[in-house]
Amino acid sequence: MLSFIKWKNPLLLLLGIGVSNLGGWIYLIALNLIVLDMTGSPFSVSVLYILKPVATLCTNFWSGSFIDRLNKKNLMIFLDLIRAFFIFLLPFMDSLILIYLWVFIINIASSIFGPTSMVYMTKLITKTNRQRFNALRNFINSSGFILGPSIAGFLFIIGSPYLAIQLNSLALCISAIIIFLLPNLDNLKGETVISEKVSIRVIRNDWREILSFSKSNMHIAWVYVLFCGITVFMTGLDSLEAALATRVLFLSESTYGFLVSVAGIGIIIGSLTNVLFASRLKTSIMIGFGAIFTPFGYLIFAFSQNFIWASVGFFTMTFALSFANIGFLTFYQNHVPVNIMGRFSSFFGVLEALLIIVFTLIVGVFAELYGIRFIYIIGSFTFLGLGFLVSLTVLDKSKEVYYKQDSKE
C-alpha cells in the first residue's frame, strides 16, 4: 500500500504520457501516408521531419528562459490544449502548404512541451527511482509503437487518415486532464517561480550561464552533444523509412504498420529488461550498448530484401535504442541541475535542430538523386561510426564516476 502511494503520481504521469504517445503515433503514421499519397515524393515526407527542428530552432533560443521561470504543470496543460486545438483543425486543410504551416505551429508547441515535461518529471521522480521510471516510460511509449499502427489501420478502414489524426486531438485533451490531477511541484516543494521579466538581456545572460556550466562540466555537455548526434541520424534516416519500406521493399501500408509494431516489441522487451535489472545496469553500459547496436539495426534494415529481414532490423534498432534512451535520460537527470534544465536542453536543442535540418535535407535530396536504399546504407554506416565514438566516450575509465549508481537521494 505504501509502495502504491509512493508511486501514485509517477504512475499517473505515465498514464498521461501513454495516452499522448498513443495518439502521437496514430497522428504520425496517418500524416506521413497522407503526404506521401498527395505527392508521391519521399522528399515531401522528409519536409515533415524538417519542420520539427525548424520549429525547435525558432523557439529554443528563448523558450528555456520561460520554462525555468514559469509554472511547469500549468504550462504543460496549456501546451497540450493548444496542440489539441490545431490538430483538430488539421483535417480541414486542403493544400500541402497549409498542412506544412499547421504542422509547424503544432511542432512549436511540442518543442516547448518536451523540455517542460522533462523538468517536471525530474522534480517528481526521486533520484534512486529515475532509471526504473525511465524504463517504465520507455515501455509505455513502446505500447504506442504497437497499438498506434493497429488503431491507425483500423481507423483507415472505417474512416480515413484524417479521422486518425483527430483522435490525437482527443488524446491530448485527455493528457491535459491527467496533468491537471498531478501535484503543482513549483509550489509543493516550496520553490518560488521566478517572476523576473524575460528580455533579450535575460536570455543572453541565461545562455552565458549555460555556457559557463558546460565549460565547467565538459563531459556532461559532450555526452549530451553526442546523443544529439544520435537523434540527428535517426531523424534523417527515419524520414526515408516509409519510402524504403513501401517503394523499395514493396510492402503494403498495412504491412508497414505491422513492421512498426515489430519495432514496438523490441522496445517493450528492452524496456522490461531495464525495469527488471535497473539496479544492476550501469548507465555507461546502457548508453554504449545502445549507441552501437541501434545503427547496426538500421544497417540490417538498409540491406533487407524482404519483410523478415526488415523486421529483424527494426527489432534490433529499437531493442538497443531502449537501452540508450533510458541510460542517457538517467544520466541527464542526475547531472544537470533542475533549475537550469529547461535552458540547458533548449540551448543544445538549437544545435540539434540545425544539424537535423541540414542532415534531413541532404538525405532527402540525395535519396531523390541517387536512390533511397543507397543513401540509407551510407547514412547507416556513418551512424555506426558515431555509435563507436559515443561508446568510447561513456566507457572511458577516467569518467567512471559519472556513471556509478546512486544509492541515496
Protein backbone atom coordinates (compact mmCIF):
# COMPACT_ATOMS: atom_id res chain seq x y z
CA MET A 1 0.00 0.00 0.00
CA LEU A 2 2.82 2.40 0.88
CA SER A 3 4.56 1.48 -2.36
CA PHE A 4 1.42 2.37 -4.34
CA ILE A 5 1.07 5.73 -2.57
CA LYS A 6 4.74 6.43 -3.31
CA TRP A 7 4.26 5.62 -6.99
CA LYS A 8 0.73 7.08 -7.39
CA ASN A 9 1.79 10.34 -9.04
CA PRO A 10 4.53 8.76 -11.19
CA LEU A 11 2.00 6.19 -12.44
CA LEU A 12 -0.49 8.97 -13.17
CA LEU A 13 2.22 10.78 -15.13
CA LEU A 14 2.97 7.58 -17.04
CA LEU A 15 -0.72 7.30 -17.92
CA GLY A 16 -0.71 10.82 -19.35
CA ILE A 17 2.46 10.07 -21.30
CA GLY A 18 0.95 6.84 -22.64
CA VAL A 19 -2.29 8.44 -23.85
CA SER A 20 -0.45 11.29 -25.55
CA ASN A 21 2.13 8.96 -27.12
CA LEU A 22 -0.53 6.61 -28.48
CA GLY A 23 -2.29 9.50 -30.19
CA GLY A 24 1.05 10.80 -31.44
CA TRP A 25 1.88 7.56 -33.26
CA ILE A 26 -1.53 7.44 -34.92
CA TYR A 27 -1.05 11.07 -35.98
CA LEU A 28 2.48 10.49 -37.32
CA ILE A 29 1.66 7.43 -39.42
CA ALA A 30 -1.51 8.99 -40.82
CA LEU A 31 0.24 12.26 -41.70
CA ASN A 32 3.18 10.52 -43.39
CA LEU A 33 0.86 8.44 -45.57
CA ILE A 34 -1.38 11.42 -46.42
CA VAL A 35 1.55 13.48 -47.65
CA LEU A 36 3.11 10.51 -49.49
CA ASP A 37 -0.22 9.83 -51.25
CA MET A 38 -0.68 13.51 -52.12
CA THR A 39 2.77 13.95 -53.65
CA GLY A 40 4.28 10.51 -54.31
CA SER A 41 7.61 12.04 -53.22
CA PRO A 42 9.78 10.87 -50.31
CA PHE A 43 11.23 14.38 -50.17
CA SER A 44 7.77 15.79 -49.34
CA VAL A 45 7.61 13.42 -46.37
CA SER A 46 11.13 14.50 -45.39
CA VAL A 47 9.84 18.08 -45.16
CA LEU A 48 7.52 16.96 -42.33
CA TYR A 49 10.59 15.81 -40.40
CA ILE A 50 12.39 19.07 -41.16
CA LEU A 51 9.50 21.17 -39.79
CA LYS A 52 10.09 19.85 -36.27
CA PRO A 53 13.71 21.04 -35.97
CA VAL A 54 12.79 24.32 -37.72
CA ALA A 55 10.15 24.89 -35.03
CA THR A 56 12.73 23.99 -32.39
CA LEU A 57 15.16 26.46 -33.93
CA CYS A 58 12.53 29.21 -33.78
CA THR A 59 11.71 28.59 -30.12
CA ASN A 60 14.63 27.05 -28.23
CA PHE A 61 16.86 30.10 -28.12
CA TRP A 62 14.26 31.80 -25.87
CA SER A 63 11.88 29.08 -24.60
CA GLY A 64 14.26 27.73 -21.94
CA SER A 65 14.28 31.10 -20.19
CA PHE A 66 10.49 30.93 -19.89
CA ILE A 67 10.35 27.24 -18.95
CA ASP A 68 12.65 27.71 -15.95
CA ARG A 69 10.59 30.69 -14.75
CA LEU A 70 7.00 29.55 -15.35
CA ASN A 71 4.83 27.02 -13.53
CA LYS A 72 5.64 23.71 -15.25
CA LYS A 73 2.30 22.00 -14.63
CA ASN A 74 0.20 24.89 -15.93
CA LEU A 75 2.48 25.33 -18.95
CA MET A 76 2.14 21.64 -19.89
CA ILE A 77 -1.67 21.81 -19.68
CA PHE A 78 -1.74 24.93 -21.85
CA LEU A 79 0.56 23.39 -24.49
CA ASP A 80 -1.47 20.16 -24.60
CA LEU A 81 -4.68 22.11 -25.24
CA ILE A 82 -3.06 24.32 -27.88
CA ARG A 83 -1.80 21.26 -29.76
CA ALA A 84 -5.18 19.55 -29.46
CA PHE A 85 -6.90 22.58 -31.00
CA PHE A 86 -4.58 22.85 -34.00
CA ILE A 87 -4.51 19.09 -34.64
CA PHE A 88 -8.32 19.05 -34.59
CA LEU A 89 -8.32 21.65 -37.38
CA LEU A 90 -5.60 19.93 -39.46
CA PRO A 91 -8.01 17.70 -41.49
CA PHE A 92 -9.72 20.85 -42.80
CA MET A 93 -6.52 21.98 -44.55
CA ASP A 94 -6.86 21.31 -48.29
CA SER A 95 -3.36 22.09 -49.55
CA LEU A 96 0.14 20.82 -48.83
CA ILE A 97 1.39 24.31 -47.91
CA LEU A 98 -1.38 24.75 -45.33
CA ILE A 99 -0.65 21.30 -43.89
CA TYR A 100 3.03 22.23 -43.52
CA LEU A 101 2.08 25.54 -41.83
CA TRP A 102 -0.26 23.84 -39.38
CA VAL A 103 2.25 21.10 -38.55
CA PHE A 104 4.86 23.82 -37.98
CA ILE A 105 2.63 25.53 -35.39
CA ILE A 106 1.94 22.20 -33.68
CA ASN A 107 5.67 21.48 -33.57
CA ILE A 108 6.37 24.84 -31.93
CA ALA A 109 4.13 23.85 -29.02
CA SER A 110 5.71 20.37 -28.91
CA SER A 111 9.25 21.79 -28.85
CA ILE A 112 8.36 23.75 -25.72
CA PHE A 113 6.41 20.88 -24.13
CA GLY A 114 9.36 18.44 -24.31
CA PRO A 115 11.84 20.26 -22.04
CA THR A 116 8.99 21.44 -19.78
CA SER A 117 7.83 17.88 -19.13
CA MET A 118 11.44 16.77 -18.57
CA VAL A 119 11.91 19.35 -15.80
CA TYR A 120 8.60 18.37 -14.18
CA MET A 121 9.46 14.68 -14.45
CA THR A 122 12.86 15.17 -12.84
CA LYS A 123 11.28 17.04 -9.92
CA LEU A 124 8.58 14.42 -9.44
CA ILE A 125 10.79 11.30 -9.51
CA THR A 126 13.41 10.75 -6.81
CA LYS A 127 16.99 10.12 -7.93
CA THR A 128 17.02 6.45 -6.89
CA ASN A 129 13.83 5.73 -8.89
CA ARG A 130 14.66 7.57 -12.11
CA GLN A 131 16.22 4.69 -14.01
CA ARG A 132 13.27 2.40 -13.28
CA PHE A 133 10.78 5.19 -14.09
CA ASN A 134 12.55 5.90 -17.38
CA ALA A 135 12.37 2.20 -18.22
CA LEU A 136 8.63 2.20 -17.47
CA ARG A 137 8.25 5.36 -19.56
CA ASN A 138 10.03 3.64 -22.44
CA PHE A 139 7.71 0.65 -22.03
CA ILE A 140 4.64 2.92 -22.16
CA ASN A 141 5.99 4.66 -25.28
CA SER A 142 6.59 1.30 -26.94
CA SER A 143 2.93 0.46 -26.45
CA GLY A 144 2.25 3.35 -28.81
CA PHE A 145 4.55 1.66 -31.34
CA ILE A 146 2.33 -1.42 -31.31
CA LEU A 147 -1.15 -0.06 -30.67
CA GLY A 148 -0.72 3.13 -32.72
CA PRO A 149 -0.29 1.49 -36.15
CA SER A 150 -3.01 -1.08 -35.36
CA ILE A 151 -5.51 1.60 -34.35
CA ALA A 152 -4.44 3.76 -37.30
CA GLY A 153 -5.02 0.85 -39.70
CA PHE A 154 -8.45 0.19 -38.19
CA LEU A 155 -9.37 3.87 -38.49
CA PHE A 156 -8.20 3.87 -42.12
CA ILE A 157 -10.67 1.02 -42.75
CA ILE A 158 -13.71 2.55 -41.03
CA GLY A 159 -12.92 6.16 -41.87
CA SER A 160 -9.84 7.94 -43.19
CA PRO A 161 -6.36 9.05 -42.14
CA TYR A 162 -7.94 12.39 -41.19
CA LEU A 163 -10.11 10.62 -38.61
CA ALA A 164 -6.94 9.02 -37.23
CA ILE A 165 -5.31 12.44 -36.92
CA GLN A 166 -8.26 13.87 -35.00
CA LEU A 167 -8.00 11.02 -32.49
CA ASN A 168 -4.69 12.55 -31.41
CA SER A 169 -6.55 15.77 -30.61
CA LEU A 170 -8.74 13.83 -28.18
CA ALA A 171 -5.69 12.08 -26.71
CA LEU A 172 -4.03 15.43 -25.97
CA CYS A 173 -7.18 16.68 -24.20
CA ILE A 174 -7.17 13.56 -22.02
CA SER A 175 -3.47 14.11 -21.33
CA ALA A 176 -4.20 17.69 -20.20
CA ILE A 177 -6.85 16.40 -17.76
CA ILE A 178 -4.41 13.86 -16.31
CA ILE A 179 -1.71 16.52 -15.87
CA PHE A 180 -4.28 18.67 -14.07
CA LEU A 181 -4.60 15.89 -11.45
CA LEU A 182 -0.85 15.90 -10.74
CA PRO A 183 0.69 17.99 -7.94
CA ASN A 184 1.90 21.53 -8.50
CA LEU A 185 5.58 20.91 -7.76
CA ASP A 186 6.72 24.51 -8.11
CA ASN A 187 4.61 25.35 -5.06
CA LEU A 188 4.57 21.95 -3.33
CA LYS A 189 8.32 21.90 -2.74
CA GLY A 190 8.48 25.49 -1.57
CA GLU A 191 10.02 26.71 -4.78
CA THR A 192 9.27 30.23 -5.90
CA VAL A 193 8.59 30.67 -9.58
CA ILE A 194 10.97 33.36 -10.80
CA SER A 195 8.97 36.44 -11.70
CA GLU A 196 11.83 38.20 -13.46
CA LYS A 197 10.62 39.58 -16.77
CA VAL A 198 12.22 37.77 -19.70
CA SER A 199 14.03 40.15 -22.04
CA ILE A 200 16.84 39.95 -24.59
CA ARG A 201 19.29 40.77 -21.81
CA VAL A 202 17.92 37.98 -19.59
CA ILE A 203 18.04 35.46 -22.45
CA ARG A 204 21.64 36.48 -23.23
CA ASN A 205 22.61 36.04 -19.56
CA ASP A 206 20.89 32.65 -19.50
CA TRP A 207 22.95 31.48 -22.48
CA ARG A 208 26.11 32.65 -20.75
CA GLU A 209 25.12 30.69 -17.65
CA ILE A 210 24.64 27.51 -19.70
CA LEU A 211 27.96 28.05 -21.49
CA SER A 212 29.67 28.50 -18.14
CA PHE A 213 28.08 25.30 -16.78
CA SER A 214 29.09 23.39 -19.93
CA LYS A 215 32.71 24.56 -19.72
CA SER A 216 32.84 23.50 -16.07
CA ASN A 217 31.23 20.15 -16.87
CA MET A 218 32.71 19.24 -20.23
CA HIS A 219 31.95 15.52 -20.05
CA ILE A 220 28.26 16.10 -19.33
CA ALA A 221 27.98 18.59 -22.21
CA TRP A 222 29.93 16.34 -24.59
CA VAL A 223 27.77 13.29 -23.87
CA TYR A 224 24.67 15.43 -24.44
CA VAL A 225 26.03 16.70 -27.79
CA LEU A 226 26.90 13.17 -28.91
CA PHE A 227 23.43 11.93 -28.04
CA CYS A 228 22.01 14.86 -30.03
CA GLY A 229 24.03 13.40 -32.92
CA ILE A 230 22.23 10.07 -32.49
CA THR A 231 18.90 11.90 -32.70
CA VAL A 232 20.07 13.71 -35.84
CA PHE A 233 20.95 10.48 -37.65
CA MET A 234 17.79 8.71 -36.57
CA THR A 235 15.55 11.57 -37.70
CA GLY A 236 17.24 11.82 -41.09
CA LEU A 237 17.10 8.08 -41.72
CA ASP A 238 13.57 7.75 -40.37
CA SER A 239 12.40 10.31 -42.93
CA LEU A 240 13.19 7.67 -45.60
CA GLU A 241 11.76 4.75 -43.64
CA ALA A 242 8.22 4.72 -45.10
CA ALA A 243 9.51 5.26 -48.63
CA LEU A 244 12.10 2.46 -48.29
CA ALA A 245 9.50 0.05 -46.92
CA THR A 246 6.74 0.83 -49.44
CA ARG A 247 8.64 1.93 -52.58
CA VAL A 248 11.77 -0.26 -52.42
CA LEU A 249 10.67 -3.35 -50.49
CA PHE A 250 7.13 -3.00 -51.92
CA LEU A 251 5.42 -3.58 -48.60
CA SER A 252 1.77 -2.57 -48.34
CA GLU A 253 0.74 0.23 -45.98
CA SER A 254 -0.79 -2.29 -43.58
CA THR A 255 2.38 -4.43 -43.66
CA TYR A 256 4.46 -1.34 -42.98
CA GLY A 257 2.22 -0.64 -40.00
CA PHE A 258 2.91 -4.16 -38.74
CA LEU A 259 6.64 -3.55 -39.24
CA VAL A 260 6.40 -0.56 -36.92
CA SER A 261 4.66 -2.83 -34.41
CA VAL A 262 7.65 -5.18 -34.53
CA ALA A 263 9.80 -2.19 -33.59
CA GLY A 264 7.46 -1.65 -30.65
CA ILE A 265 8.04 -5.22 -29.49
CA GLY A 266 11.77 -4.50 -29.49
CA ILE A 267 11.31 -1.50 -27.22
CA ILE A 268 8.94 -3.43 -24.95
CA ILE A 269 11.44 -6.24 -24.40
CA GLY A 270 14.30 -3.77 -23.98
CA SER A 271 12.31 -1.66 -21.53
CA LEU A 272 11.15 -4.64 -19.47
CA THR A 273 14.76 -5.82 -19.28
CA ASN A 274 15.67 -2.41 -17.89
CA VAL A 275 12.77 -2.44 -15.41
CA LEU A 276 13.84 -5.84 -14.05
CA PHE A 277 17.55 -5.05 -13.87
CA ALA A 278 17.51 -1.30 -13.20
CA SER A 279 19.60 -1.64 -10.05
CA ARG A 280 22.30 -3.66 -11.83
CA LEU A 281 22.71 -1.86 -15.17
CA LYS A 282 25.22 0.99 -15.28
CA THR A 283 24.18 3.93 -17.41
CA SER A 284 27.53 3.86 -19.25
CA ILE A 285 26.97 0.25 -20.38
CA MET A 286 23.41 1.04 -21.42
CA ILE A 287 24.41 4.08 -23.48
CA GLY A 288 27.41 2.33 -25.06
CA PHE A 289 25.44 -0.80 -26.00
CA GLY A 290 22.56 1.22 -27.43
CA ALA A 291 24.80 3.61 -29.37
CA ILE A 292 26.44 0.73 -31.29
CA PHE A 293 23.56 -1.69 -31.84
CA THR A 294 20.94 0.91 -32.81
CA PRO A 295 22.76 1.86 -36.05
CA PHE A 296 23.50 -1.85 -36.56
CA GLY A 297 19.72 -2.38 -36.69
CA TYR A 298 19.43 0.39 -39.27
CA LEU A 299 22.07 -1.39 -41.39
CA ILE A 300 20.10 -4.66 -41.27
CA PHE A 301 17.00 -2.81 -42.46
CA ALA A 302 19.03 -0.99 -45.14
CA PHE A 303 20.26 -4.29 -46.68
CA SER A 304 17.00 -6.23 -46.18
CA GLN A 305 15.25 -7.78 -49.18
CA ASN A 306 12.02 -8.89 -47.54
CA PHE A 307 9.73 -8.38 -44.58
CA ILE A 308 11.57 -10.91 -42.37
CA TRP A 309 14.93 -9.16 -42.51
CA ALA A 310 13.29 -5.74 -42.27
CA SER A 311 11.62 -6.97 -39.05
CA VAL A 312 14.97 -8.17 -37.68
CA GLY A 313 16.43 -4.73 -38.38
CA PHE A 314 13.53 -2.90 -36.73
CA PHE A 315 13.62 -5.14 -33.67
CA THR A 316 17.39 -4.75 -33.27
CA MET A 317 17.38 -0.97 -33.58
CA THR A 318 14.55 -0.43 -31.10
CA PHE A 319 15.72 -3.03 -28.57
CA ALA A 320 19.12 -1.32 -28.46
CA LEU A 321 17.61 2.17 -28.56
CA SER A 322 15.63 1.47 -25.38
CA PHE A 323 18.92 0.96 -23.51
CA ALA A 324 20.47 4.10 -24.99
CA ASN A 325 17.43 6.26 -24.22
CA ILE A 326 16.98 5.07 -20.64
CA GLY A 327 20.69 5.33 -19.87
CA PHE A 328 21.01 8.80 -21.36
CA LEU A 329 17.85 10.18 -19.70
CA THR A 330 19.01 8.91 -16.30
CA PHE A 331 22.49 10.38 -16.85
CA TYR A 332 20.98 13.72 -17.91
CA GLN A 333 18.53 13.94 -14.99
CA ASN A 334 21.22 13.05 -12.46
CA HIS A 335 23.86 15.52 -13.64
CA VAL A 336 22.09 18.62 -14.99
CA PRO A 337 20.70 20.84 -12.17
CA VAL A 338 16.93 21.02 -12.36
CA ASN A 339 16.90 24.82 -12.02
CA ILE A 340 18.73 25.20 -15.37
CA MET A 341 17.42 22.08 -17.10
CA GLY A 342 14.94 23.92 -19.32
CA ARG A 343 17.60 26.32 -20.55
CA PHE A 344 20.24 23.59 -20.90
CA SER A 345 18.12 21.35 -23.15
CA SER A 346 16.84 24.34 -25.13
CA PHE A 347 20.37 25.68 -25.63
CA PHE A 348 21.68 22.42 -27.10
CA GLY A 349 18.35 21.88 -28.84
CA VAL A 350 19.25 24.76 -31.16
CA LEU A 351 22.40 22.92 -32.27
CA GLU A 352 20.48 19.66 -32.65
CA ALA A 353 17.77 21.36 -34.71
CA LEU A 354 20.30 22.92 -37.09
CA LEU A 355 22.00 19.58 -37.65
CA ILE A 356 18.67 17.79 -38.18
CA ILE A 357 17.60 20.33 -40.78
CA VAL A 358 20.87 20.07 -42.70
CA PHE A 359 21.15 16.28 -42.48
CA THR A 360 17.49 15.57 -43.31
CA LEU A 361 17.62 17.92 -46.31
CA ILE A 362 20.78 16.22 -47.56
CA VAL A 363 19.27 12.78 -47.06
CA GLY A 364 16.03 13.75 -48.82
CA VAL A 365 17.71 15.42 -51.81
CA PHE A 366 20.33 12.69 -52.30
CA ALA A 367 17.65 9.98 -52.00
CA GLU A 368 15.85 11.62 -54.93
CA LEU A 369 19.11 11.77 -56.95
CA TYR A 370 20.87 8.51 -56.10
CA GLY A 371 18.19 6.20 -54.74
CA ILE A 372 16.61 5.63 -51.35
CA ARG A 373 18.41 2.40 -50.40
CA PHE A 374 21.90 3.64 -51.36
CA ILE A 375 21.61 6.81 -49.26
CA TYR A 376 20.06 4.86 -46.37
CA ILE A 377 23.05 2.48 -46.38
CA ILE A 378 25.62 5.29 -46.45
CA GLY A 379 23.79 7.09 -43.63
CA SER A 380 23.61 3.92 -41.53
CA PHE A 381 27.35 3.25 -41.82
CA THR A 382 28.12 6.83 -40.81
CA PHE A 383 25.69 6.45 -37.91
CA LEU A 384 27.59 3.33 -36.79
CA GLY A 385 30.82 5.35 -36.71
CA LEU A 386 29.14 7.86 -34.38
CA GLY A 387 27.94 4.96 -32.24
CA PHE A 388 31.51 3.77 -31.66
CA LEU A 389 32.55 7.32 -30.70
CA VAL A 390 29.71 7.53 -28.16
CA SER A 391 30.64 4.14 -26.73
CA LEU A 392 34.32 5.06 -26.34
CA THR A 393 33.33 8.31 -24.61
CA VAL A 394 30.98 6.84 -21.98
CA LEU A 395 33.15 3.76 -21.30
CA ASP A 396 36.24 5.89 -20.61
CA LYS A 397 37.56 4.64 -17.25
CA SER A 398 38.58 8.15 -16.20
CA LYS A 399 34.91 9.23 -16.38
CA GLU A 400 33.50 6.28 -14.46
CA VAL A 401 32.47 8.49 -11.52
CA TYR A 402 29.66 9.92 -13.67
CA TYR A 403 28.04 6.51 -14.14
CA LYS A 404 28.10 4.98 -10.66
CA GLN A 405 24.69 4.00 -9.34
CA ASP A 406 23.41 6.41 -6.70
CA SER A 407 22.30 4.66 -3.56
CA LYS A 408 20.86 7.76 -1.94
CA GLU A 409 18.50 10.54 -2.87
